[in-house]
Amino acid sequence: MNATIEDVPQRRSAFRRLFRDGAALLALAVLAVIVAAALLAPWLAPHDPFATTRQPLLPPVWNEAGQWAFPFGTDGQGRDILSRLLYGSRLTLLMGLLSVAIGGGIGMVVGMLSAFYRRIDPFIMRVVDVLLSFPAILLGLAVAAIFGTGVTAIIIALAIATIPDVARVTRSAAVVVMGQDFMEAGRAIGLSDATLIRRYLALNCISSVFVFLTLRFGQVILIGAALSFLGLGAKPPSAELGMMAAQGRDFLFFAPHVATIPSLTIFLIVLCANMVGDALRDVLDPRLRR
């Protein structure tokens, strides 16, 4: 019954190993800087991200009086790319975080219920299989057709696409936990199903699910940016990284910075999230530790 408490020293040791991983720490630091810059966008942005100027498509090297007035240049409407990048990162990260939180929470509940109540397991897993057969972009198109385009539609689509994957991972971890002696002991002393699920099943599955969600976060950011690139996400004049990349595709041959800067930001966020997720998986998975 004390399996979770006994695992605390092991988890602390795992995190100490994580902090000795230089590449993971670097990725975590870069991701933290991006998140902090996005949160502080109103104070860090040098210009109004929605204000246009009479100087469109200025390159990043353009300067005025020896200083960079627009460090990343301007877009096709003369708006400061750096300011829009800060605000766009905020919206992109928010979409990814909400999608993973909502889809991950629902998927974890579904996976645990499937493993705990074996009678409903076949039905739940068949529904999960159906959802897994739909690509996330196709789900985004379907949700956009029902709710209309916009940030809310993308969050709903990405959350729905996350549920089956998390449910599968949670069920796999929960089936192993259900075979442990402390679960049988809990039933024997008369603990309710809700108590067993909340105190023992969930706590012993959370590590595996958390690692998966860390990896899933990078995928969700990439899929969300792709949906925004297709015009299903934020609407102008809002700033969002996928939409910024889409707006710059017409200028690739003579002003490539308009599209490449937001694209590189997406690449950096996804790369750092995946590196942190891989490191967490390496230190928390006992099979990989052995």
C-alpha atoms as a PDB file:
ATOM      1  CA  MET A   1       0.000   0.000   0.000  1.00  0.00           C
ATOM      2  CA  ASN A   2       2.992   2.289   0.429  1.00  0.00           C
ATOM      3  CA  ALA A   3       4.417   1.730  -3.025  1.00  0.00           C
ATOM      4  CA  THR A   4       4.053   5.374  -3.998  1.00  0.00           C
ATOM      5  CA  ILE A   5       5.756   6.648  -0.825  1.00  0.00           C
ATOM      6  CA  GLU A   6       8.639   4.225  -1.241  1.00  0.00           C
ATOM      7  CA  ASP A   7       9.194   5.464  -4.798  1.00  0.00           C
ATOM      8  CA  VAL A   8       9.884   9.046  -3.626  1.00  0.00           C
ATOM      9  CA  PRO A   9      13.660   8.533  -3.052  1.00  0.00           C
ATOM     10  CA  GLN A  10      13.932   6.864  -6.459  1.00  0.00           C
ATOM     11  CA  ARG A  11      12.201   9.793  -8.118  1.00  0.00           C
ATOM     12  CA  ARG A  12      14.475  12.251  -6.359  1.00  0.00           C
ATOM     13  CA  SER A  13      17.459  10.271  -7.599  1.00  0.00           C
ATOM     14  CA  ALA A  14      15.991  10.317 -11.106  1.00  0.00           C
ATOM     15  CA  PHE A  15      15.717  14.093 -11.068  1.00  0.00           C
ATOM     16  CA  ARG A  16      19.302  14.378  -9.819  1.00  0.00           C
ATOM     17  CA  ARG A  17      20.359  12.342 -12.860  1.00  0.00           C
ATOM     18  CA  LEU A  18      18.278  14.651 -15.037  1.00  0.00           C
ATOM     19  CA  PHE A  19      20.102  17.713 -13.734  1.00  0.00           C
ATOM     20  CA  ARG A  20      23.413  16.075 -14.647  1.00  0.00           C
ATOM     21  CA  ASP A  21      22.308  15.832 -18.283  1.00  0.00           C
ATOM     22  CA  GLY A  22      23.855  18.901 -19.916  1.00  0.00           C
ATOM     23  CA  ALA A  23      21.846  18.721 -23.149  1.00  0.00           C
ATOM     24  CA  ALA A  24      18.556  18.373 -21.285  1.00  0.00           C
ATOM     25  CA  LEU A  25      19.412  21.265 -18.985  1.00  0.00           C
ATOM     26  CA  LEU A  26      20.284  23.444 -21.963  1.00  0.00           C
ATOM     27  CA  ALA A  27      17.006  22.561 -23.677  1.00  0.00           C
ATOM     28  CA  LEU A  28      15.104  23.247 -20.454  1.00  0.00           C
ATOM     29  CA  ALA A  29      16.835  26.605 -20.062  1.00  0.00           C
ATOM     30  CA  VAL A  30      16.067  27.638 -23.648  1.00  0.00           C
ATOM     31  CA  LEU A  31      12.446  26.574 -23.244  1.00  0.00           C
ATOM     32  CA  ALA A  32      12.217  28.515 -19.976  1.00  0.00           C
ATOM     33  CA  VAL A  33      13.594  31.641 -21.673  1.00  0.00           C
ATOM     34  CA  ILE A  34      11.055  31.338 -24.497  1.00  0.00           C
ATOM     35  CA  VAL A  35       8.192  30.874 -22.032  1.00  0.00           C
ATOM     36  CA  ALA A  36       9.373  33.798 -19.901  1.00  0.00           C
ATOM     37  CA  ALA A  37       9.723  36.041 -22.965  1.00  0.00           C
ATOM     38  CA  ALA A  38       6.213  35.088 -24.080  1.00  0.00           C
ATOM     39  CA  LEU A  39       4.765  35.833 -20.642  1.00  0.00           C
ATOM     40  CA  LEU A  40       6.582  39.177 -20.485  1.00  0.00           C
ATOM     41  CA  ALA A  41       5.695  40.133 -24.066  1.00  0.00           C
ATOM     42  CA  PRO A  42       3.841  43.366 -23.084  1.00  0.00           C
ATOM     43  CA  TRP A  43       6.998  44.625 -21.365  1.00  0.00           C
ATOM     44  CA  LEU A  44       9.638  43.192 -23.724  1.00  0.00           C
ATOM     45  CA  ALA A  45       8.067  43.995 -27.092  1.00  0.00           C
ATOM     46  CA  PRO A  46       9.820  47.082 -28.535  1.00  0.00           C
ATOM     47  CA  HIS A  47       6.811  48.053 -30.672  1.00  0.00           C
ATOM     48  CA  ASP A  48       3.082  47.564 -30.895  1.00  0.00           C
ATOM     49  CA  PRO A  49       2.719  44.144 -32.587  1.00  0.00           C
ATOM     50  CA  PHE A  50      -0.348  45.340 -34.489  1.00  0.00           C
ATOM     51  CA  ALA A  51       0.890  48.784 -35.564  1.00  0.00           C
ATOM     52  CA  THR A  52       1.909  49.139 -39.202  1.00  0.00           C
ATOM     53  CA  THR A  53       4.676  51.343 -40.526  1.00  0.00           C
ATOM     54  CA  ARG A  54       5.644  52.726 -43.901  1.00  0.00           C
ATOM     55  CA  GLN A  55       8.663  50.425 -44.009  1.00  0.00           C
ATOM     56  CA  PRO A  56       7.472  46.928 -44.964  1.00  0.00           C
ATOM     57  CA  LEU A  57       9.812  43.969 -45.451  1.00  0.00           C
ATOM     58  CA  LEU A  58      12.803  45.604 -43.765  1.00  0.00           C
ATOM     59  CA  PRO A  59      15.589  43.037 -43.231  1.00  0.00           C
ATOM     60  CA  PRO A  60      16.895  42.344 -39.715  1.00  0.00           C
ATOM     61  CA  VAL A  61      20.147  44.204 -40.432  1.00  0.00           C
ATOM     62  CA  TRP A  62      18.370  47.493 -41.131  1.00  0.00           C
ATOM     63  CA  ASN A  63      19.394  50.114 -38.560  1.00  0.00           C
ATOM     64  CA  GLU A  64      18.663  53.695 -37.765  1.00  0.00           C
ATOM     65  CA  ALA A  65      21.211  56.020 -36.159  1.00  0.00           C
ATOM     66  CA  GLY A  66      23.513  53.081 -35.509  1.00  0.00           C
ATOM     67  CA  GLN A  67      20.898  51.041 -33.644  1.00  0.00           C
ATOM     68  CA  TRP A  68      18.515  48.315 -34.714  1.00  0.00           C
ATOM     69  CA  ALA A  69      15.045  49.820 -34.638  1.00  0.00           C
ATOM     70  CA  PHE A  70      13.619  46.496 -35.858  1.00  0.00           C
ATOM     71  CA  PRO A  71      16.029  43.705 -34.773  1.00  0.00           C
ATOM     72  CA  PHE A  72      14.134  41.008 -36.720  1.00  0.00           C
ATOM     73  CA  GLY A  73      12.912  43.306 -39.475  1.00  0.00           C
ATOM     74  CA  THR A  74       9.305  43.985 -40.470  1.00  0.00           C
ATOM     75  CA  ASP A  75       6.678  41.892 -42.218  1.00  0.00           C
ATOM     76  CA  GLY A  76       4.697  42.606 -45.359  1.00  0.00           C
ATOM     77  CA  GLN A  77       2.576  45.226 -43.593  1.00  0.00           C
ATOM     78  CA  GLY A  78       5.490  46.915 -41.864  1.00  0.00           C
ATOM     79  CA  ARG A  79       4.822  45.399 -38.420  1.00  0.00           C
ATOM     80  CA  ASP A  80       7.745  44.655 -36.122  1.00  0.00           C
ATOM     81  CA  ILE A  81       8.505  40.923 -36.348  1.00  0.00           C
ATOM     82  CA  LEU A  82      10.177  40.731 -32.922  1.00  0.00           C
ATOM     83  CA  SER A  83       7.116  42.158 -31.176  1.00  0.00           C
ATOM     84  CA  ARG A  84       4.793  39.856 -33.086  1.00  0.00           C
ATOM     85  CA  LEU A  85       7.113  36.922 -32.346  1.00  0.00           C
ATOM     86  CA  LEU A  86       6.825  37.526 -28.594  1.00  0.00           C
ATOM     87  CA  TYR A  87       3.045  37.739 -28.712  1.00  0.00           C
ATOM     88  CA  GLY A  88       2.823  34.876 -31.215  1.00  0.00           C
ATOM     89  CA  SER A  89       4.907  32.589 -28.993  1.00  0.00           C
ATOM     90  CA  ARG A  90       2.506  33.324 -26.145  1.00  0.00           C
ATOM     91  CA  LEU A  91      -0.518  32.263 -28.189  1.00  0.00           C
ATOM     92  CA  THR A  92       1.216  29.201 -29.647  1.00  0.00           C
ATOM     93  CA  LEU A  93       2.399  27.987 -26.231  1.00  0.00           C
ATOM     94  CA  LEU A  94      -1.044  28.624 -24.741  1.00  0.00           C
ATOM     95  CA  MET A  95      -2.712  26.531 -27.443  1.00  0.00           C
ATOM     96  CA  GLY A  96      -0.255  23.696 -26.894  1.00  0.00           C
ATOM     97  CA  LEU A  97      -0.530  23.799 -23.100  1.00  0.00           C
ATOM     98  CA  LEU A  98      -4.334  23.884 -23.023  1.00  0.00           C
ATOM     99  CA  SER A  99      -4.608  21.130 -25.621  1.00  0.00           C
ATOM    100  CA  VAL A 100      -2.223  18.844 -23.739  1.00  0.00           C
ATOM    101  CA  ALA A 101      -3.823  19.619 -20.362  1.00  0.00           C
ATOM    102  CA  ILE A 102      -7.395  19.021 -21.536  1.00  0.00           C
ATOM    103  CA  GLY A 103      -6.677  16.039 -23.768  1.00  0.00           C
ATOM    104  CA  GLY A 104      -4.198  14.564 -21.291  1.00  0.00           C
ATOM    105  CA  GLY A 105      -6.597  14.866 -18.361  1.00  0.00           C
ATOM    106  CA  ILE A 106      -9.476  13.240 -20.220  1.00  0.00           C
ATOM    107  CA  GLY A 107      -7.226  10.573 -21.734  1.00  0.00           C
ATOM    108  CA  MET A 108      -5.763   9.659 -18.357  1.00  0.00           C
ATOM    109  CA  VAL A 109      -9.215   9.229 -16.819  1.00  0.00           C
ATOM    110  CA  VAL A 110     -10.361   7.113 -19.770  1.00  0.00           C
ATOM    111  CA  GLY A 111      -7.249   4.913 -19.627  1.00  0.00           C
ATOM    112  CA  MET A 112      -7.516   4.298 -15.882  1.00  0.00           C
ATOM    113  CA  LEU A 113     -11.223   3.482 -16.067  1.00  0.00           C
ATOM    114  CA  SER A 114     -10.533   1.082 -18.922  1.00  0.00           C
ATOM    115  CA  ALA A 115      -7.878  -0.764 -16.899  1.00  0.00           C
ATOM    116  CA  PHE A 116      -9.829  -0.720 -13.627  1.00  0.00           C
ATOM    117  CA  TYR A 117     -13.210  -1.850 -15.008  1.00  0.00           C
ATOM    118  CA  ARG A 118     -12.337  -4.695 -17.345  1.00  0.00           C
ATOM    119  CA  ARG A 119     -15.925  -5.165 -18.522  1.00  0.00           C
ATOM    120  CA  ILE A 120     -15.944  -1.802 -20.329  1.00  0.00           C
ATOM    121  CA  ASP A 121     -12.345  -2.109 -21.538  1.00  0.00           C
ATOM    122  CA  PRO A 122     -13.152  -3.555 -25.003  1.00  0.00           C
ATOM    123  CA  PHE A 123     -15.728  -0.846 -25.725  1.00  0.00           C
ATOM    124  CA  ILE A 124     -13.464   2.007 -24.609  1.00  0.00           C
ATOM    125  CA  MET A 125     -10.491   0.711 -26.554  1.00  0.00           C
ATOM    126  CA  ARG A 126     -12.521   0.349 -29.739  1.00  0.00           C
ATOM    127  CA  VAL A 127     -13.595   3.986 -29.445  1.00  0.00           C
ATOM    128  CA  VAL A 128      -9.948   4.919 -28.866  1.00  0.00           C
ATOM    129  CA  ASP A 129      -8.950   2.935 -31.977  1.00  0.00           C
ATOM    130  CA  VAL A 130     -11.502   4.861 -34.036  1.00  0.00           C
ATOM    131  CA  LEU A 131     -10.115   8.190 -32.815  1.00  0.00           C
ATOM    132  CA  LEU A 132      -6.557   7.031 -33.533  1.00  0.00           C
ATOM    133  CA  SER A 133      -7.501   6.374 -37.144  1.00  0.00           C
ATOM    134  CA  PHE A 134      -8.138  10.088 -37.768  1.00  0.00           C
ATOM    135  CA  PRO A 135      -5.091  12.303 -38.393  1.00  0.00           C
ATOM    136  CA  ALA A 136      -4.947  15.421 -36.237  1.00  0.00           C
ATOM    137  CA  ILE A 137      -5.157  17.716 -39.269  1.00  0.00           C
ATOM    138  CA  LEU A 138      -8.312  15.932 -40.453  1.00  0.00           C
ATOM    139  CA  LEU A 139      -9.791  16.371 -36.964  1.00  0.00           C
ATOM    140  CA  GLY A 140      -8.898  20.046 -37.168  1.00  0.00           C
ATOM    141  CA  LEU A 141     -10.755  20.386 -40.452  1.00  0.00           C
ATOM    142  CA  ALA A 142     -13.788  18.598 -38.992  1.00  0.00           C
ATOM    143  CA  VAL A 143     -13.827  20.757 -35.855  1.00  0.00           C
ATOM    144  CA  ALA A 144     -13.410  23.901 -37.960  1.00  0.00           C
ATOM    145  CA  ALA A 145     -16.390  22.846 -40.037  1.00  0.00           C
ATOM    146  CA  ILE A 146     -18.495  22.454 -36.869  1.00  0.00           C
ATOM    147  CA  PHE A 147     -17.298  25.317 -34.664  1.00  0.00           C
ATOM    148  CA  GLY A 148     -15.685  27.590 -37.223  1.00  0.00           C
ATOM    149  CA  THR A 149     -12.031  28.509 -37.514  1.00  0.00           C
ATOM    150  CA  GLY A 150     -10.100  30.114 -34.679  1.00  0.00           C
ATOM    151  CA  VAL A 151      -7.921  29.391 -31.678  1.00  0.00           C
ATOM    152  CA  THR A 152     -10.745  27.641 -29.811  1.00  0.00           C
ATOM    153  CA  ALA A 153     -11.318  25.245 -32.717  1.00  0.00           C
ATOM    154  CA  ILE A 154      -7.616  24.336 -32.822  1.00  0.00           C
ATOM    155  CA  ILE A 155      -7.516  23.704 -29.063  1.00  0.00           C
ATOM    156  CA  ILE A 156     -10.572  21.445 -29.311  1.00  0.00           C
ATOM    157  CA  ALA A 157      -9.122  19.539 -32.273  1.00  0.00           C
ATOM    158  CA  LEU A 158      -5.712  19.065 -30.645  1.00  0.00           C
ATOM    159  CA  ALA A 159      -7.286  18.015 -27.340  1.00  0.00           C
ATOM    160  CA  ILE A 160      -9.429  15.402 -29.104  1.00  0.00           C
ATOM    161  CA  ALA A 161      -6.382  14.148 -31.006  1.00  0.00           C
ATOM    162  CA  THR A 162      -4.422  13.849 -27.727  1.00  0.00           C
ATOM    163  CA  ILE A 163      -7.070  11.833 -25.832  1.00  0.00           C
ATOM    164  CA  PRO A 164      -6.594   8.423 -27.555  1.00  0.00           C
ATOM    165  CA  ASP A 165      -2.792   8.465 -27.331  1.00  0.00           C
ATOM    166  CA  VAL A 166      -2.842   9.358 -23.627  1.00  0.00           C
ATOM    167  CA  ALA A 167      -5.583   6.796 -22.982  1.00  0.00           C
ATOM    168  CA  ARG A 168      -3.430   4.067 -24.536  1.00  0.00           C
ATOM    169  CA  VAL A 169      -0.346   5.019 -22.525  1.00  0.00           C
ATOM    170  CA  THR A 170      -2.343   5.328 -19.292  1.00  0.00           C
ATOM    171  CA  ARG A 171      -4.089   2.000 -19.800  1.00  0.00           C
ATOM    172  CA  SER A 172      -0.762   0.228 -20.376  1.00  0.00           C
ATOM    173  CA  ALA A 173       0.670   1.660 -17.156  1.00  0.00           C
ATOM    174  CA  ALA A 174      -2.560   1.062 -15.226  1.00  0.00           C
ATOM    175  CA  VAL A 175      -2.783  -2.615 -16.237  1.00  0.00           C
ATOM    176  CA  VAL A 176       0.646  -3.184 -14.666  1.00  0.00           C
ATOM    177  CA  VAL A 177      -0.401  -1.367 -11.479  1.00  0.00           C
ATOM    178  CA  MET A 178      -3.636  -3.356 -11.273  1.00  0.00           C
ATOM    179  CA  GLY A 179      -1.581  -6.530 -11.006  1.00  0.00           C
ATOM    180  CA  GLN A 180       0.294  -5.326  -7.925  1.00  0.00           C
ATOM    181  CA  ASP A 181      -0.402  -6.756  -4.465  1.00  0.00           C
ATOM    182  CA  PHE A 182      -1.285  -3.403  -2.908  1.00  0.00           C
ATOM    183  CA  MET A 183      -4.285  -3.041  -5.222  1.00  0.00           C
ATOM    184  CA  GLU A 184      -5.619  -6.423  -4.105  1.00  0.00           C
ATOM    185  CA  ALA A 185      -4.900  -5.496  -0.486  1.00  0.00           C
ATOM    186  CA  GLY A 186      -6.874  -2.293  -0.920  1.00  0.00           C
ATOM    187  CA  ARG A 187      -9.870  -4.221  -2.193  1.00  0.00           C
ATOM    188  CA  ALA A 188      -9.520  -6.694   0.675  1.00  0.00           C
ATOM    189  CA  ILE A 189      -9.714  -4.004   3.374  1.00  0.00           C
ATOM    190  CA  GLY A 190     -12.773  -2.468   1.741  1.00  0.00           C
ATOM    191  CA  LEU A 191     -11.406   0.672   0.057  1.00  0.00           C
ATOM    192  CA  SER A 192     -13.826   2.196  -2.445  1.00  0.00           C
ATOM    193  CA  ASP A 193     -13.127   2.185  -6.162  1.00  0.00           C
ATOM    194  CA  ALA A 194     -12.733   5.982  -6.142  1.00  0.00           C
ATOM    195  CA  THR A 195     -10.099   5.777  -3.393  1.00  0.00           C
ATOM    196  CA  LEU A 196      -8.167   3.031  -5.159  1.00  0.00           C
ATOM    197  CA  ILE A 197      -8.165   4.950  -8.425  1.00  0.00           C
ATOM    198  CA  ARG A 198      -7.304   8.318  -6.904  1.00  0.00           C
ATOM    199  CA  ARG A 199      -4.738   7.357  -4.271  1.00  0.00           C
ATOM    200  CA  TYR A 200      -2.987   4.374  -5.803  1.00  0.00           C
ATOM    201  CA  LEU A 201      -3.741   3.861  -9.480  1.00  0.00           C
ATOM    202  CA  ALA A 202      -3.413   7.504 -10.540  1.00  0.00           C
ATOM    203  CA  LEU A 203      -0.310   8.193  -8.435  1.00  0.00           C
ATOM    204  CA  ASN A 204       1.490   5.151  -9.859  1.00  0.00           C
ATOM    205  CA  CYS A 205       0.607   6.050 -13.463  1.00  0.00           C
ATOM    206  CA  ILE A 206       1.329   9.779 -13.338  1.00  0.00           C
ATOM    207  CA  SER A 207       5.072   9.474 -14.103  1.00  0.00           C
ATOM    208  CA  SER A 208       4.534   7.592 -17.368  1.00  0.00           C
ATOM    209  CA  VAL A 209       1.735   9.923 -18.433  1.00  0.00           C
ATOM    210  CA  PHE A 210       3.716  13.048 -17.556  1.00  0.00           C
ATOM    211  CA  VAL A 211       6.687  11.914 -19.644  1.00  0.00           C
ATOM    212  CA  PHE A 212       4.419  11.140 -22.572  1.00  0.00           C
ATOM    213  CA  LEU A 213       2.676  14.519 -22.295  1.00  0.00           C
ATOM    214  CA  THR A 214       6.053  16.261 -22.334  1.00  0.00           C
ATOM    215  CA  LEU A 215       6.841  14.557 -25.625  1.00  0.00           C
ATOM    216  CA  ARG A 216       3.307  15.154 -26.887  1.00  0.00           C
ATOM    217  CA  PHE A 217       3.606  18.890 -26.176  1.00  0.00           C
ATOM    218  CA  GLY A 218       6.150  19.324 -28.963  1.00  0.00           C
ATOM    219  CA  GLN A 219       3.966  17.367 -31.393  1.00  0.00           C
ATOM    220  CA  VAL A 220       0.912  19.439 -30.473  1.00  0.00           C
ATOM    221  CA  ILE A 221       2.832  22.683 -31.047  1.00  0.00           C
ATOM    222  CA  LEU A 222       3.878  21.441 -34.481  1.00  0.00           C
ATOM    223  CA  ILE A 223       0.383  20.262 -35.461  1.00  0.00           C
ATOM    224  CA  GLY A 224      -1.190  23.472 -34.157  1.00  0.00           C
ATOM    225  CA  ALA A 225       1.255  25.551 -36.179  1.00  0.00           C
ATOM    226  CA  ALA A 226       0.427  23.470 -39.259  1.00  0.00           C
ATOM    227  CA  LEU A 227      -3.310  24.057 -38.752  1.00  0.00           C
ATOM    228  CA  SER A 228      -2.691  27.787 -38.325  1.00  0.00           C
ATOM    229  CA  PHE A 229      -0.540  27.712 -41.455  1.00  0.00           C
ATOM    230  CA  LEU A 230      -3.557  26.302 -43.295  1.00  0.00           C
ATOM    231  CA  GLY A 231      -5.685  29.203 -42.061  1.00  0.00           C
ATOM    232  CA  LEU A 232      -7.658  27.333 -39.390  1.00  0.00           C
ATOM    233  CA  GLY A 233      -6.135  29.105 -36.392  1.00  0.00           C
ATOM    234  CA  ALA A 234      -5.872  32.671 -35.176  1.00  0.00           C
ATOM    235  CA  LYS A 235      -7.256  35.360 -37.425  1.00  0.00           C
ATOM    236  CA  PRO A 236      -5.484  38.582 -38.428  1.00  0.00           C
ATOM    237  CA  PRO A 237      -4.317  40.833 -36.918  1.00  0.00           C
ATOM    238  CA  SER A 238      -3.611  38.341 -34.092  1.00  0.00           C
ATOM    239  CA  ALA A 239      -0.038  37.096 -33.866  1.00  0.00           C
ATOM    240  CA  GLU A 240       0.536  33.312 -33.930  1.00  0.00           C
ATOM    241  CA  LEU A 241       3.693  31.570 -35.106  1.00  0.00           C
ATOM    242  CA  GLY A 242       2.056  29.283 -37.664  1.00  0.00           C
ATOM    243  CA  MET A 243       0.036  32.129 -39.118  1.00  0.00           C
ATOM    244  CA  MET A 244       3.133  34.370 -39.234  1.00  0.00           C
ATOM    245  CA  ALA A 245       4.977  31.709 -41.212  1.00  0.00           C
ATOM    246  CA  ALA A 246       2.020  31.423 -43.591  1.00  0.00           C
ATOM    247  CA  GLN A 247       1.905  35.191 -44.115  1.00  0.00           C
ATOM    248  CA  GLY A 248       5.599  35.199 -45.035  1.00  0.00           C
ATOM    249  CA  ARG A 249       5.465  32.477 -47.687  1.00  0.00           C
ATOM    250  CA  ASP A 250       4.744  35.031 -50.424  1.00  0.00           C
ATOM    251  CA  PHE A 251       8.034  36.804 -49.645  1.00  0.00           C
ATOM    252  CA  LEU A 252      10.357  33.801 -49.421  1.00  0.00           C
ATOM    253  CA  PHE A 253      12.500  34.774 -52.409  1.00  0.00           C
ATOM    254  CA  PHE A 254      13.146  38.431 -51.528  1.00  0.00           C
ATOM    255  CA  ALA A 255      12.340  38.675 -47.787  1.00  0.00           C
ATOM    256  CA  PRO A 256      12.844  35.168 -46.370  1.00  0.00           C
ATOM    257  CA  HIS A 257      13.153  36.406 -42.788  1.00  0.00           C
ATOM    258  CA  VAL A 258       9.398  37.045 -42.582  1.00  0.00           C
ATOM    259  CA  ALA A 259       8.676  33.300 -42.728  1.00  0.00           C
ATOM    260  CA  THR A 260      11.922  31.760 -41.487  1.00  0.00           C
ATOM    261  CA  ILE A 261      12.105  33.564 -38.121  1.00  0.00           C
ATOM    262  CA  PRO A 262       8.728  32.278 -36.806  1.00  0.00           C
ATOM    263  CA  SER A 263       9.436  28.872 -38.375  1.00  0.00           C
ATOM    264  CA  LEU A 264      12.775  28.643 -36.574  1.00  0.00           C
ATOM    265  CA  THR A 265      11.037  29.610 -33.326  1.00  0.00           C
ATOM    266  CA  ILE A 266       8.579  26.737 -33.775  1.00  0.00           C
ATOM    267  CA  PHE A 267      11.498  24.419 -34.527  1.00  0.00           C
ATOM    268  CA  LEU A 268      13.334  25.547 -31.384  1.00  0.00           C
ATOM    269  CA  ILE A 269      10.283  25.074 -29.131  1.00  0.00           C
ATOM    270  CA  VAL A 270       9.566  21.591 -30.492  1.00  0.00           C
ATOM    271  CA  LEU A 271      13.233  20.541 -30.337  1.00  0.00           C
ATOM    272  CA  CYS A 272      13.655  21.667 -26.719  1.00  0.00           C
ATOM    273  CA  ALA A 273      10.363  20.076 -25.636  1.00  0.00           C
ATOM    274  CA  ASN A 274      11.349  16.765 -27.246  1.00  0.00           C
ATOM    275  CA  MET A 275      14.826  16.829 -25.683  1.00  0.00           C
ATOM    276  CA  VAL A 276      13.372  17.450 -22.224  1.00  0.00           C
ATOM    277  CA  GLY A 277      10.790  14.702 -22.772  1.00  0.00           C
ATOM    278  CA  ASP A 278      13.454  12.222 -23.899  1.00  0.00           C
ATOM    279  CA  ALA A 279      15.582  13.026 -20.856  1.00  0.00           C
ATOM    280  CA  LEU A 280      12.628  12.565 -18.503  1.00  0.00           C
ATOM    281  CA  ARG A 281      11.805   9.242 -20.122  1.00  0.00           C
ATOM    282  CA  ASP A 282      15.400   8.056 -19.725  1.00  0.00           C
ATOM    283  CA  VAL A 283      15.546   8.854 -16.006  1.00  0.00           C
ATOM    284  CA  LEU A 284      12.010   7.779 -15.042  1.00  0.00           C
ATOM    285  CA  ASP A 285      11.658   4.554 -17.058  1.00  0.00           C
ATOM    286  CA  PRO A 286      13.169   1.736 -14.931  1.00  0.00           C
ATOM    287  CA  ARG A 287      13.759  -0.441 -17.993  1.00  0.00           C
ATOM    288  CA  LEU A 288      15.951   2.235 -19.582  1.00  0.00           C
ATOM    289  CA  ARG A 289      17.784   2.805 -16.275  1.00  0.00           C
ATOM    290  CA  ARG A 290      18.760  -0.859 -16.228  1.00  0.00           C
END
